[in-house]
N, C-alpha and C. Protein backbone atom coordinates (compact mmCIF):
# COMPACT_ATOMS: atom_id res chain seq x y z
N MET A 1 191.68 130.32 3.72
CA MET A 1 190.19 130.07 4.31
C MET A 1 190.12 128.50 4.77
N ARG A 2 190.57 127.80 3.98
CA ARG A 2 190.56 126.44 4.25
C ARG A 2 190.92 126.07 5.49
N LYS A 3 192.31 126.69 5.94
CA LYS A 3 193.03 126.30 7.37
C LYS A 3 192.08 126.90 8.09
N ARG A 4 191.35 127.98 8.12
CA ARG A 4 190.35 128.33 9.13
C ARG A 4 189.11 127.53 9.22
N THR A 5 188.62 127.08 8.12
CA THR A 5 187.28 126.43 8.00
C THR A 5 187.31 125.06 8.65
N GLU A 6 188.57 124.29 8.45
CA GLU A 6 188.90 122.82 8.81
C GLU A 6 188.81 122.62 10.40
N PRO A 7 189.37 123.36 11.01
CA PRO A 7 189.29 123.37 12.37
C PRO A 7 187.95 123.67 13.07
N VAL A 8 187.30 124.64 12.49
CA VAL A 8 186.14 124.54 12.99
C VAL A 8 184.92 123.67 12.71
N ALA A 9 185.24 122.91 11.49
CA ALA A 9 184.16 121.83 11.23
C ALA A 9 184.80 120.68 11.97
N LEU A 10 186.05 120.32 12.11
CA LEU A 10 186.47 119.59 13.30
C LEU A 10 185.73 119.46 14.89
N GLU A 11 185.63 121.01 14.83
CA GLU A 11 185.27 121.37 16.33
C GLU A 11 183.70 120.96 16.42
N HIS A 12 182.96 121.20 15.15
CA HIS A 12 181.58 120.94 15.39
C HIS A 12 181.09 119.62 15.56
N GLU A 13 182.02 118.60 14.61
CA GLU A 13 181.88 117.37 14.79
C GLU A 13 182.28 116.77 16.16
N ARG A 14 183.14 117.23 16.75
CA ARG A 14 183.53 116.79 18.28
C ARG A 14 182.31 117.17 19.26
N CYS A 15 181.93 118.33 18.78
CA CYS A 15 180.93 118.75 19.78
C CYS A 15 179.50 118.05 19.60
N ALA A 16 179.42 117.62 18.44
CA ALA A 16 178.09 116.76 17.84
C ALA A 16 178.22 115.55 18.62
N ALA A 17 179.67 114.64 18.47
CA ALA A 17 179.69 113.51 18.98
C ALA A 17 179.74 113.55 20.53
N ALA A 18 180.02 114.49 21.06
CA ALA A 18 180.38 114.79 22.59
C ALA A 18 178.58 114.96 23.14
N GLY A 19 177.76 115.58 21.93
CA GLY A 19 176.32 116.12 22.71
C GLY A 19 175.62 114.46 22.25
N SER A 20 175.93 113.96 21.49
CA SER A 20 175.34 112.67 21.10
C SER A 20 175.49 111.44 22.35
N SER A 21 176.86 111.61 22.60
CA SER A 21 177.50 110.54 23.55
C SER A 21 176.93 110.83 25.00
N SER A 22 176.74 112.00 25.09
CA SER A 22 176.19 112.64 26.36
C SER A 22 174.35 112.27 26.49
N SER A 23 173.89 112.76 25.44
CA SER A 23 172.33 112.43 25.37
C SER A 23 172.19 111.01 25.69
N GLY A 24 173.08 109.95 24.82
CA GLY A 24 172.79 108.65 25.03
C GLY A 24 172.99 108.13 26.71
N SER A 25 174.10 108.75 27.28
CA SER A 25 174.22 108.26 28.65
C SER A 25 173.01 108.81 29.65
N ALA A 26 172.66 109.94 29.10
CA ALA A 26 171.53 110.38 29.98
C ALA A 26 170.27 109.61 29.71
N ALA A 27 169.80 109.32 28.73
CA ALA A 27 168.67 108.48 28.24
C ALA A 27 169.01 106.98 28.85
N ALA A 28 170.13 106.52 28.86
CA ALA A 28 170.36 105.20 29.73
C ALA A 28 170.39 105.33 30.96
N ALA A 29 170.56 106.64 31.64
CA ALA A 29 170.81 106.67 33.21
C ALA A 29 168.85 106.92 33.41
N LEU A 30 168.14 107.71 32.63
CA LEU A 30 166.93 107.79 32.63
C LEU A 30 166.08 106.52 32.66
N ASP A 31 166.53 105.76 31.56
CA ASP A 31 165.65 104.37 31.72
C ASP A 31 165.96 103.43 32.76
N ALA A 32 167.24 103.49 33.21
CA ALA A 32 167.57 102.50 34.52
C ALA A 32 166.51 103.27 35.58
N ASP A 33 166.67 104.66 35.64
CA ASP A 33 165.82 104.99 36.65
C ASP A 33 164.25 104.51 36.76
N CYS A 34 163.66 104.38 35.75
CA CYS A 34 162.39 104.26 35.28
C CYS A 34 162.16 102.74 35.66
N ARG A 35 163.15 101.76 35.27
CA ARG A 35 162.97 100.83 35.60
C ARG A 35 162.99 100.15 36.91
N LEU A 36 164.14 101.03 37.62
CA LEU A 36 164.09 100.94 39.23
C LEU A 36 162.63 101.29 39.88
N LYS A 37 162.14 102.21 39.39
CA LYS A 37 160.72 102.86 39.93
C LYS A 37 159.72 101.70 39.79
N GLN A 38 159.86 101.07 38.49
CA GLN A 38 158.88 100.07 38.14
C GLN A 38 158.83 98.68 38.95
N ASN A 39 160.13 98.89 39.37
CA ASN A 39 160.32 97.20 40.13
C ASN A 39 159.87 97.61 41.53
N LEU A 40 160.08 98.73 41.90
CA LEU A 40 159.92 99.10 43.25
C LEU A 40 158.22 99.00 43.38
N ARG A 41 157.39 99.51 42.46
CA ARG A 41 156.15 99.43 42.42
C ARG A 41 155.42 98.32 42.34
N LEU A 42 156.12 97.39 41.71
CA LEU A 42 155.85 96.03 41.75
C LEU A 42 156.03 95.23 42.75
N THR A 43 157.26 95.39 43.61
CA THR A 43 157.61 94.65 44.62
C THR A 43 156.83 95.02 46.04
N GLY A 44 156.63 96.63 46.03
CA GLY A 44 156.25 97.33 47.16
C GLY A 44 155.01 96.67 47.81
N PRO A 45 153.82 96.83 47.11
CA PRO A 45 152.55 96.40 47.67
C PRO A 45 152.66 94.91 48.20
N ALA A 46 153.18 93.88 47.26
CA ALA A 46 153.47 92.76 47.73
C ALA A 46 154.23 92.27 49.02
N ALA A 47 155.10 93.28 49.24
CA ALA A 47 155.87 93.06 50.49
C ALA A 47 154.94 93.57 51.59
N ALA A 48 154.26 94.85 51.46
CA ALA A 48 153.30 95.82 52.15
C ALA A 48 152.12 94.80 52.90
N GLU A 49 151.61 93.96 51.75
CA GLU A 49 150.36 93.24 52.22
C GLU A 49 150.12 92.55 53.39
N PRO A 50 151.10 91.36 53.45
CA PRO A 50 151.21 90.76 55.01
C PRO A 50 151.13 91.53 56.06
N ARG A 51 151.52 92.84 55.98
CA ARG A 51 151.72 93.45 57.39
C ARG A 51 150.47 94.44 57.31
N CYS A 52 149.84 94.68 56.37
CA CYS A 52 148.36 95.55 56.17
C CYS A 52 147.56 94.27 57.04
N ALA A 53 147.45 93.35 56.33
CA ALA A 53 146.54 92.21 57.07
C ALA A 53 146.49 91.92 58.21
N ALA A 54 147.73 91.64 58.78
CA ALA A 54 147.94 91.77 60.13
C ALA A 54 147.66 92.65 60.96
N ASP A 55 147.70 93.86 60.65
CA ASP A 55 147.18 95.12 61.41
C ASP A 55 145.59 95.00 61.40
N ALA A 56 145.21 94.86 60.24
CA ALA A 56 143.45 94.53 60.08
C ALA A 56 142.99 93.34 61.01
N GLY A 57 143.52 92.48 61.03
CA GLY A 57 143.08 91.37 61.98
C GLY A 57 143.32 91.81 63.40
N MET A 58 144.46 92.65 63.77
CA MET A 58 144.49 93.14 65.25
C MET A 58 143.56 94.01 65.38
N LYS A 59 143.04 94.77 64.69
CA LYS A 59 142.21 95.93 64.85
C LYS A 59 140.71 95.15 64.85
N ARG A 60 140.44 94.21 64.20
CA ARG A 60 139.36 93.47 64.38
C ARG A 60 139.07 92.88 65.69
N ALA A 61 140.18 92.17 66.09
CA ALA A 61 140.13 91.41 67.52
C ALA A 61 139.99 92.55 68.55
N LEU A 62 140.45 93.40 68.31
CA LEU A 62 140.50 94.64 69.42
C LEU A 62 139.02 95.24 69.57
N GLY A 63 138.33 95.43 68.26
CA GLY A 63 137.19 96.01 68.32
C GLY A 63 136.05 95.00 68.80
N ARG A 64 136.17 93.58 68.52
CA ARG A 64 135.49 92.61 69.04
C ARG A 64 135.56 92.62 70.63
N ARG A 65 136.69 92.75 71.32
CA ARG A 65 136.72 92.47 72.88
C ARG A 65 136.21 93.92 73.42
N LYS A 66 136.36 94.92 72.75
CA LYS A 66 135.81 96.47 73.18
C LYS A 66 134.32 96.21 73.14
N GLY A 67 133.75 95.72 71.99
CA GLY A 67 132.51 95.37 71.98
C GLY A 67 131.83 94.64 73.15
N VAL A 68 132.36 93.52 73.42
CA VAL A 68 132.06 92.30 74.43
C VAL A 68 131.87 93.22 75.70
N TRP A 69 133.02 93.92 76.09
CA TRP A 69 133.17 94.69 77.26
C TRP A 69 132.08 95.64 77.52
N LEU A 70 131.72 96.37 76.30
CA LEU A 70 130.64 97.46 76.48
C LEU A 70 129.13 96.49 76.74
N ARG A 71 129.11 95.54 76.21
CA ARG A 71 128.01 94.50 76.48
C ARG A 71 127.98 94.34 78.06
N LEU A 72 128.92 93.95 78.33
CA LEU A 72 128.92 93.34 80.09
C LEU A 72 128.90 94.41 80.73
N ARG A 73 129.27 95.53 80.51
CA ARG A 73 129.24 96.81 81.20
C ARG A 73 127.60 97.22 81.20
N LYS A 74 127.04 97.15 80.44
CA LYS A 74 125.25 97.69 80.16
C LYS A 74 124.52 96.46 80.86
N ILE A 75 125.00 95.08 80.82
CA ILE A 75 124.28 94.24 81.88
C ILE A 75 124.66 94.56 83.25
N LEU A 76 125.75 94.87 83.26
CA LEU A 76 126.12 95.00 84.86
C LEU A 76 125.49 96.05 85.48
N PHE A 77 125.38 97.29 84.87
CA PHE A 77 124.53 98.62 85.03
C PHE A 77 122.98 98.29 85.28
N CYS A 78 122.47 97.41 84.42
CA CYS A 78 121.12 97.07 84.69
C CYS A 78 120.61 96.34 85.69
N VAL A 79 121.82 95.23 85.97
CA VAL A 79 121.49 94.58 87.00
C VAL A 79 121.48 95.41 88.40
N LEU A 80 122.71 96.12 88.40
CA LEU A 80 122.85 97.24 89.76
C LEU A 80 121.66 98.29 89.76
N GLY A 81 121.04 98.48 88.53
CA GLY A 81 120.14 99.37 88.87
C GLY A 81 118.86 98.80 89.25
N LEU A 82 118.42 97.35 88.98
CA LEU A 82 117.34 96.82 89.41
C LEU A 82 117.51 96.66 90.53
N TYR A 83 118.63 95.95 91.16
CA TYR A 83 119.21 95.77 92.56
C TYR A 83 118.91 97.10 93.51
N ILE A 84 118.93 98.33 93.12
CA ILE A 84 118.96 99.36 93.95
C ILE A 84 117.38 99.89 93.84
N ALA A 85 116.90 99.98 92.80
CA ALA A 85 115.56 100.09 92.51
C ALA A 85 114.47 99.65 93.29
N ILE A 86 114.63 98.15 93.26
CA ILE A 86 113.52 97.31 93.87
C ILE A 86 113.30 97.52 95.38
N PRO A 87 114.32 97.88 96.13
CA PRO A 87 113.67 98.40 97.77
C PRO A 87 113.11 99.51 97.69
N PHE A 88 113.57 100.24 96.81
CA PHE A 88 112.56 101.94 96.94
C PHE A 88 111.47 101.70 96.18
N LEU A 89 110.92 100.77 95.39
CA LEU A 89 109.69 100.51 94.82
C LEU A 89 108.81 99.87 95.88
N ILE A 90 109.70 98.92 96.55
CA ILE A 90 108.68 98.21 97.57
C ILE A 90 108.55 99.30 98.71
N LYS A 91 109.20 100.09 98.92
CA LYS A 91 108.80 101.05 100.23
C LYS A 91 107.87 102.08 99.57
N LEU A 92 108.14 102.48 98.65
CA LEU A 92 106.83 103.41 98.07
C LEU A 92 105.65 102.84 97.62
N CYS A 93 105.60 101.56 97.24
CA CYS A 93 104.35 100.92 97.08
C CYS A 93 104.09 99.47 97.28
N PRO A 94 103.78 99.63 98.75
CA PRO A 94 103.80 98.07 99.49
C PRO A 94 102.95 97.00 98.84
N GLY A 95 102.13 97.35 98.02
CA GLY A 95 101.33 96.28 97.48
C GLY A 95 102.10 95.46 96.33
N ILE A 96 103.08 96.07 95.84
CA ILE A 96 104.24 95.32 95.03
C ILE A 96 104.94 94.14 96.01
N GLN A 97 105.26 94.39 97.35
CA GLN A 97 105.54 93.15 98.26
C GLN A 97 104.66 91.94 97.97
N ALA A 98 103.30 92.35 98.33
CA ALA A 98 102.56 91.39 98.19
C ALA A 98 102.48 90.63 97.08
N LYS A 99 102.49 91.20 95.94
CA LYS A 99 102.32 90.57 94.76
C LYS A 99 103.68 89.66 94.32
N LEU A 100 104.82 90.12 94.62
CA LEU A 100 105.97 89.19 94.75
C LEU A 100 106.04 87.76 95.64
N ILE A 101 105.29 88.24 96.85
CA ILE A 101 105.31 86.94 97.52
C ILE A 101 104.26 86.24 97.17
N PHE A 102 103.09 86.27 96.86
CA PHE A 102 101.95 85.60 96.72
C PHE A 102 101.82 85.10 95.17
N LEU A 103 102.46 86.04 94.40
CA LEU A 103 102.28 85.77 92.67
C LEU A 103 100.93 85.65 92.39
N ASN A 104 100.12 86.28 93.01
CA ASN A 104 98.67 85.96 92.50
C ASN A 104 98.09 86.46 91.13
N PHE A 105 99.19 87.22 90.53
CA PHE A 105 98.64 87.49 89.03
C PHE A 105 99.53 86.69 88.27
N VAL A 106 100.02 85.48 88.64
CA VAL A 106 100.66 84.34 88.06
C VAL A 106 99.52 83.07 87.69
N ARG A 107 98.95 82.67 86.60
CA ARG A 107 98.52 81.57 86.39
C ARG A 107 98.93 80.73 85.55
N VAL A 108 99.09 79.50 86.26
CA VAL A 108 99.59 78.41 85.45
C VAL A 108 98.58 77.19 85.62
N PRO A 109 98.20 76.55 84.42
CA PRO A 109 98.13 77.09 83.19
C PRO A 109 97.67 78.33 82.84
N TYR A 110 97.91 79.24 82.06
CA TYR A 110 97.49 80.63 81.88
C TYR A 110 95.89 80.80 81.48
N PHE A 111 95.39 79.79 81.22
CA PHE A 111 94.07 79.97 80.72
C PHE A 111 93.08 79.43 81.93
N ILE A 112 93.77 79.08 82.95
CA ILE A 112 92.65 78.58 84.15
C ILE A 112 91.89 79.67 84.71
N ASP A 113 90.61 79.44 84.88
CA ASP A 113 89.86 80.43 85.59
C ASP A 113 89.55 79.85 87.03
N LEU A 114 90.34 80.49 87.99
CA LEU A 114 90.26 80.41 89.18
C LEU A 114 89.07 80.51 90.05
N LYS A 115 88.15 81.44 89.33
CA LYS A 115 86.81 81.67 90.06
C LYS A 115 85.95 80.46 89.68
N LYS A 116 86.20 79.49 89.34
CA LYS A 116 85.34 78.38 88.95
C LYS A 116 86.39 77.14 89.40
N PRO A 117 86.51 76.77 90.52
CA PRO A 117 87.12 75.67 91.08
C PRO A 117 86.63 74.40 90.58
N GLN A 118 85.34 74.10 90.53
CA GLN A 118 84.61 72.99 90.05
C GLN A 118 85.32 72.42 88.77
N ASP A 119 85.61 73.29 87.87
CA ASP A 119 86.13 73.22 86.44
C ASP A 119 87.60 72.36 86.68
N GLN A 120 88.30 72.52 87.87
CA GLN A 120 89.37 71.84 88.02
C GLN A 120 89.50 70.58 88.85
N GLY A 121 88.30 70.18 89.05
CA GLY A 121 87.92 68.83 89.38
C GLY A 121 87.65 69.14 91.34
N LEU A 122 87.55 70.33 91.74
CA LEU A 122 87.28 70.52 93.21
C LEU A 122 85.85 70.96 93.49
N ASN A 123 85.21 69.55 93.50
CA ASN A 123 83.71 69.36 93.79
C ASN A 123 83.33 70.15 94.92
N HIS A 124 82.15 70.69 95.06
CA HIS A 124 81.58 71.26 96.32
C HIS A 124 82.26 72.29 96.94
N THR A 125 83.06 73.07 96.11
CA THR A 125 84.09 73.98 96.36
C THR A 125 83.48 75.49 95.60
N CYS A 126 83.59 76.66 96.72
CA CYS A 126 82.93 77.69 96.15
C CYS A 126 83.99 78.86 96.59
N ASN A 127 84.22 79.94 96.01
CA ASN A 127 85.05 80.84 96.31
C ASN A 127 84.07 82.29 96.86
N TYR A 128 84.51 82.55 98.00
CA TYR A 128 83.78 83.76 98.12
C TYR A 128 84.68 85.07 98.39
N TYR A 129 83.94 86.34 98.11
CA TYR A 129 84.94 87.34 98.30
C TYR A 129 84.49 88.43 98.98
N LEU A 130 85.27 89.45 99.65
CA LEU A 130 84.75 90.47 100.17
C LEU A 130 85.49 91.83 99.68
N GLN A 131 84.58 92.95 99.75
CA GLN A 131 85.45 94.18 99.06
C GLN A 131 85.27 95.39 99.88
N PRO A 132 86.19 95.33 100.82
CA PRO A 132 86.29 96.35 102.18
C PRO A 132 86.46 97.61 101.36
N GLU A 133 87.32 97.71 100.33
CA GLU A 133 87.20 99.21 99.44
C GLU A 133 87.26 99.17 98.13
N GLU A 134 87.25 99.83 97.46
CA GLU A 134 87.18 100.05 95.92
C GLU A 134 88.16 99.65 95.27
N ASP A 135 88.18 98.36 94.52
CA ASP A 135 89.37 97.74 93.69
C ASP A 135 89.93 97.18 94.69
N VAL A 136 89.50 96.32 95.83
CA VAL A 136 90.43 95.51 96.67
C VAL A 136 89.22 94.50 96.99
N THR A 137 89.64 93.39 96.54
CA THR A 137 88.84 92.00 96.68
C THR A 137 89.76 91.04 97.77
N ILE A 138 89.15 90.47 98.58
CA ILE A 138 89.40 89.78 99.73
C ILE A 138 89.00 88.30 99.71
N GLY A 139 89.58 87.44 99.32
CA GLY A 139 89.02 86.00 99.36
C GLY A 139 88.60 85.24 100.72
N VAL A 140 87.58 84.94 101.12
CA VAL A 140 87.18 84.56 102.36
C VAL A 140 86.54 83.11 102.05
N CYS A 141 86.50 82.27 103.40
CA CYS A 141 85.78 81.21 103.37
C CYS A 141 84.90 81.24 104.69
N VAL A 142 85.67 81.41 106.16
CA VAL A 142 84.98 81.45 107.15
C VAL A 142 84.41 80.26 107.51
N LYS A 143 81.99 80.59 106.80
CA LYS A 143 80.63 79.79 107.29
C LYS A 143 79.96 79.18 106.31
N HIS A 144 80.34 79.16 104.98
CA HIS A 144 79.34 78.37 104.06
C HIS A 144 80.06 77.09 103.82
N ILE A 145 81.22 76.50 104.49
CA ILE A 145 82.00 75.32 104.12
C ILE A 145 81.17 74.48 105.10
N SER A 146 81.11 73.36 104.60
CA SER A 146 80.59 72.06 105.21
C SER A 146 81.50 70.84 105.18
N CYS A 147 82.29 70.85 105.79
CA CYS A 147 83.34 69.86 105.38
C CYS A 147 84.32 69.90 106.69
N PRO A 148 85.31 68.78 107.13
CA PRO A 148 86.13 69.03 108.10
C PRO A 148 86.86 69.96 107.66
N LEU A 149 87.44 70.57 108.85
CA LEU A 149 88.45 71.80 108.74
C LEU A 149 89.57 71.50 109.52
N LEU A 150 90.82 71.48 109.08
CA LEU A 150 92.09 71.44 109.60
C LEU A 150 92.87 72.58 109.69
N ILE A 151 93.37 73.45 110.75
CA ILE A 151 94.07 74.89 110.51
C ILE A 151 95.26 74.32 110.92
N LEU A 152 96.45 74.42 109.96
CA LEU A 152 97.73 74.53 110.64
C LEU A 152 98.67 75.79 110.71
N HIS A 153 99.14 76.39 111.71
CA HIS A 153 99.69 77.80 112.03
C HIS A 153 100.87 77.79 112.60
N ALA A 154 102.04 78.40 111.90
CA ALA A 154 103.12 78.56 112.84
C ALA A 154 103.20 79.81 113.41
N GLU A 155 103.81 79.89 114.68
CA GLU A 155 103.78 81.12 115.40
C GLU A 155 104.33 82.07 114.73
N ASP A 156 105.65 81.80 114.13
CA ASP A 156 106.60 82.79 113.58
C ASP A 156 106.42 82.95 112.02
N ASP A 157 104.98 82.91 111.68
CA ASP A 157 104.60 83.43 110.25
C ASP A 157 104.70 84.58 109.97
N PRO A 158 105.72 85.17 109.20
CA PRO A 158 105.77 86.59 109.08
C PRO A 158 104.81 87.01 107.92
N VAL A 159 104.33 85.95 107.12
CA VAL A 159 103.25 86.66 106.04
C VAL A 159 101.84 86.88 106.63
N VAL A 160 101.20 85.77 107.23
CA VAL A 160 99.88 85.63 107.89
C VAL A 160 100.11 85.71 109.22
N PRO A 161 99.51 86.65 110.01
CA PRO A 161 99.74 86.64 111.44
C PRO A 161 99.52 85.49 112.18
N PHE A 162 99.73 85.03 113.18
CA PHE A 162 99.28 83.93 114.04
C PHE A 162 97.99 84.24 114.69
N GLN A 163 97.68 85.51 114.96
CA GLN A 163 96.59 85.73 115.58
C GLN A 163 95.23 85.41 114.51
N LEU A 164 95.68 85.64 113.34
CA LEU A 164 94.61 85.37 112.42
C LEU A 164 94.33 84.04 112.21
N GLY A 165 95.07 83.08 112.53
CA GLY A 165 94.59 81.66 112.52
C GLY A 165 93.75 81.61 113.71
N ARG A 166 94.07 82.18 114.75
CA ARG A 166 93.35 81.55 115.73
C ARG A 166 92.10 82.42 115.75
N LYS A 167 92.08 83.31 114.93
CA LYS A 167 90.42 84.05 114.88
C LYS A 167 89.91 83.47 114.02
N LEU A 168 90.39 82.90 113.02
CA LEU A 168 89.61 81.68 111.81
C LEU A 168 88.94 80.81 112.56
N TYR A 169 89.98 80.31 113.52
CA TYR A 169 89.49 78.99 114.28
C TYR A 169 87.97 79.46 115.20
N SER A 170 88.43 80.69 116.00
CA SER A 170 87.25 80.84 116.62
C SER A 170 86.07 81.10 115.94
N ILE A 171 86.05 81.75 115.00
CA ILE A 171 84.65 81.76 113.73
C ILE A 171 84.24 80.65 113.42
N ALA A 172 84.92 79.75 112.96
CA ALA A 172 84.58 78.59 112.09
C ALA A 172 84.17 77.26 113.26
N ALA A 173 84.60 77.33 114.40
CA ALA A 173 84.47 76.20 115.22
C ALA A 173 82.72 76.36 115.61
N PRO A 174 82.23 77.57 116.15
CA PRO A 174 80.92 77.70 116.49
C PRO A 174 80.01 77.58 115.38
N ALA A 175 80.52 77.76 114.08
CA ALA A 175 79.34 77.80 113.00
C ALA A 175 78.55 76.85 112.67
N ARG A 176 77.42 76.96 112.29
CA ARG A 176 76.28 76.05 112.18
C ARG A 176 76.73 75.03 111.05
N SER A 177 77.59 75.60 110.01
CA SER A 177 77.79 74.51 108.92
C SER A 177 78.82 73.63 109.30
N PHE A 178 79.60 73.94 110.35
CA PHE A 178 80.77 72.95 111.10
C PHE A 178 80.04 71.90 111.99
N ARG A 179 78.41 72.19 112.44
CA ARG A 179 78.11 71.38 113.47
C ARG A 179 78.29 69.89 113.30
N ASP A 180 78.28 69.26 112.43
CA ASP A 180 78.46 67.82 112.22
C ASP A 180 79.90 67.66 111.67
N PHE A 181 80.90 68.51 111.57
CA PHE A 181 82.24 68.22 111.20
C PHE A 181 83.37 68.58 112.15
N LYS A 182 84.54 67.97 111.90
CA LYS A 182 85.51 68.40 112.71
C LYS A 182 86.10 69.50 112.53
N VAL A 183 86.60 70.53 113.47
CA VAL A 183 87.40 71.78 113.36
C VAL A 183 88.48 71.33 114.18
N GLN A 184 89.66 71.67 113.96
CA GLN A 184 90.88 71.59 114.52
C GLN A 184 91.69 72.65 114.01
N PHE A 185 92.48 72.88 115.35
CA PHE A 185 93.43 74.00 115.24
C PHE A 185 94.91 73.33 115.78
N VAL A 186 95.82 73.47 115.00
CA VAL A 186 97.08 72.77 115.19
C VAL A 186 98.24 73.95 115.13
N PRO A 187 98.61 74.60 116.17
CA PRO A 187 99.81 75.58 116.40
C PRO A 187 101.06 74.94 116.26
N PHE A 188 102.18 75.59 115.81
CA PHE A 188 103.68 75.10 115.72
C PHE A 188 104.24 76.18 116.34
N HIS A 189 105.07 75.85 117.41
CA HIS A 189 106.02 76.66 117.92
C HIS A 189 107.12 77.64 117.19
N SER A 190 107.24 78.63 117.69
CA SER A 190 108.21 79.46 116.88
C SER A 190 109.65 78.96 116.95
N ASP A 191 110.01 78.00 117.99
CA ASP A 191 111.20 77.58 117.92
C ASP A 191 111.64 76.45 116.78
N LEU A 192 110.40 76.03 116.01
CA LEU A 192 110.61 74.87 115.10
C LEU A 192 111.20 75.85 113.86
N GLY A 193 110.83 77.04 113.58
CA GLY A 193 111.39 77.68 112.77
C GLY A 193 110.74 77.20 111.17
N TYR A 194 109.47 77.03 111.29
CA TYR A 194 108.48 76.53 110.29
C TYR A 194 108.07 77.88 109.68
N ARG A 195 107.67 78.77 110.01
CA ARG A 195 107.49 80.09 109.49
C ARG A 195 106.11 80.16 108.55
N HIS A 196 106.08 80.38 107.45
CA HIS A 196 105.03 80.51 106.51
C HIS A 196 104.72 79.29 105.59
N LYS A 197 105.95 78.62 105.42
CA LYS A 197 105.73 77.71 104.25
C LYS A 197 106.63 76.46 104.56
N TYR A 198 106.92 76.12 105.73
CA TYR A 198 107.73 74.93 105.83
C TYR A 198 107.08 74.04 107.01
N ILE A 199 105.76 74.25 107.21
CA ILE A 199 105.10 73.12 108.03
C ILE A 199 105.15 71.84 107.63
N TYR A 200 105.33 71.54 106.22
CA TYR A 200 105.40 70.32 105.73
C TYR A 200 106.64 69.71 106.19
N LYS A 201 107.62 70.15 106.79
CA LYS A 201 108.87 69.57 107.27
C LYS A 201 108.63 68.84 108.66
N SER A 202 107.56 69.23 109.18
CA SER A 202 107.34 68.68 110.63
C SER A 202 107.37 67.27 110.64
N PRO A 203 108.04 66.58 111.36
CA PRO A 203 107.81 64.85 111.42
C PRO A 203 106.57 64.49 112.12
N GLU A 204 105.91 65.57 112.66
CA GLU A 204 104.70 65.25 113.23
C GLU A 204 103.31 65.09 112.33
N LEU A 205 103.45 65.81 111.28
CA LEU A 205 102.50 66.06 110.15
C LEU A 205 101.82 64.81 109.89
N PRO A 206 102.35 63.73 109.56
CA PRO A 206 101.76 62.49 109.19
C PRO A 206 100.89 62.13 110.35
N ARG A 207 101.14 62.01 111.48
CA ARG A 207 100.27 61.82 112.77
C ARG A 207 99.19 62.67 112.86
N ILE A 208 99.44 63.89 112.45
CA ILE A 208 98.23 64.83 112.72
C ILE A 208 97.17 64.73 111.63
N LEU A 209 97.63 64.36 110.64
CA LEU A 209 96.71 63.98 109.43
C LEU A 209 95.80 62.72 109.72
N ARG A 210 96.67 61.70 110.28
CA ARG A 210 95.86 60.37 110.28
C ARG A 210 94.83 60.63 111.40
N GLU A 211 95.24 61.39 112.55
CA GLU A 211 94.18 61.88 113.74
C GLU A 211 92.96 62.39 113.30
N PHE A 212 93.42 63.37 112.35
CA PHE A 212 92.24 64.15 111.96
C PHE A 212 91.31 63.45 111.02
N LEU A 213 91.75 62.49 110.24
CA LEU A 213 91.00 61.87 109.21
C LEU A 213 90.54 60.69 109.78
N GLY A 214 90.82 60.43 111.25
CA GLY A 214 90.44 59.28 111.81
C GLY A 214 90.94 57.91 111.46
N LYS A 215 92.12 57.60 110.93
CA LYS A 215 92.53 56.74 110.56
C LYS A 215 93.88 56.11 111.73
N SER A 216 93.90 54.83 111.34
CA SER A 216 94.41 54.29 112.80
C SER A 216 96.02 54.24 112.13
N GLU A 217 96.67 54.10 113.21
CA GLU A 217 98.48 54.01 112.87
C GLU A 217 98.86 52.82 111.78
N PRO A 218 99.46 53.08 110.95
CA PRO A 218 99.56 51.75 110.08
C PRO A 218 100.85 50.67 110.72
N GLU A 219 100.31 49.46 110.58
CA GLU A 219 101.31 48.31 111.34
C GLU A 219 102.48 48.20 110.51
N HIS A 220 103.37 48.13 111.54
CA HIS A 220 104.80 48.10 111.17
C HIS A 220 105.15 46.49 110.89
N GLN A 221 105.69 46.22 109.88
CA GLN A 221 106.09 44.75 109.63
C GLN A 221 107.34 44.40 110.17
N HIS A 222 107.45 43.35 110.90
CA HIS A 222 108.77 42.85 111.56
C HIS A 222 109.49 42.09 110.77
């Protein structure tokens, strides 16, 4: 019995020793694996952080460029829409063209009352109006003016027809209010190109004004 039990006991001891040695090596391997994973967790985010920051910066830059481009496109479409719409509006509503040319709805300074010219230092001046149609008011001067009248008109005036200047002169000249005052009409040939508002460029204008006011030529100093 002793001979049989001794080998069995030895075998059990050997198995226990082998088991303890194998469990120790497995625990050591598991410990090493845990340490490796911990090291990777500690070093991984730190290494990836600069790359993530660079990607975020590129995305922000691209977003800004896209936003600027969208704004430029909106502005371009608005300008193009106005450029196309204005001719159609003028064609459909001719009154808009007159307002854009004369700007009679703009008052500078804003609180000025154009119906009272005497408040602006224009003494002995009155405004007269005609109403040929409802909601239509036309300013006239023509017979109640009692002062010298000088009419300057270019033949190529595209805003006020030249014939109206002639008609104004033909009405004002025989008027009683101008009986004691000078009435003069000075036309400018269409070849000069003065049109509606460039008569002031005429080199003859100073001479015309001096003759109208009855002033002599200034003496030139030699």
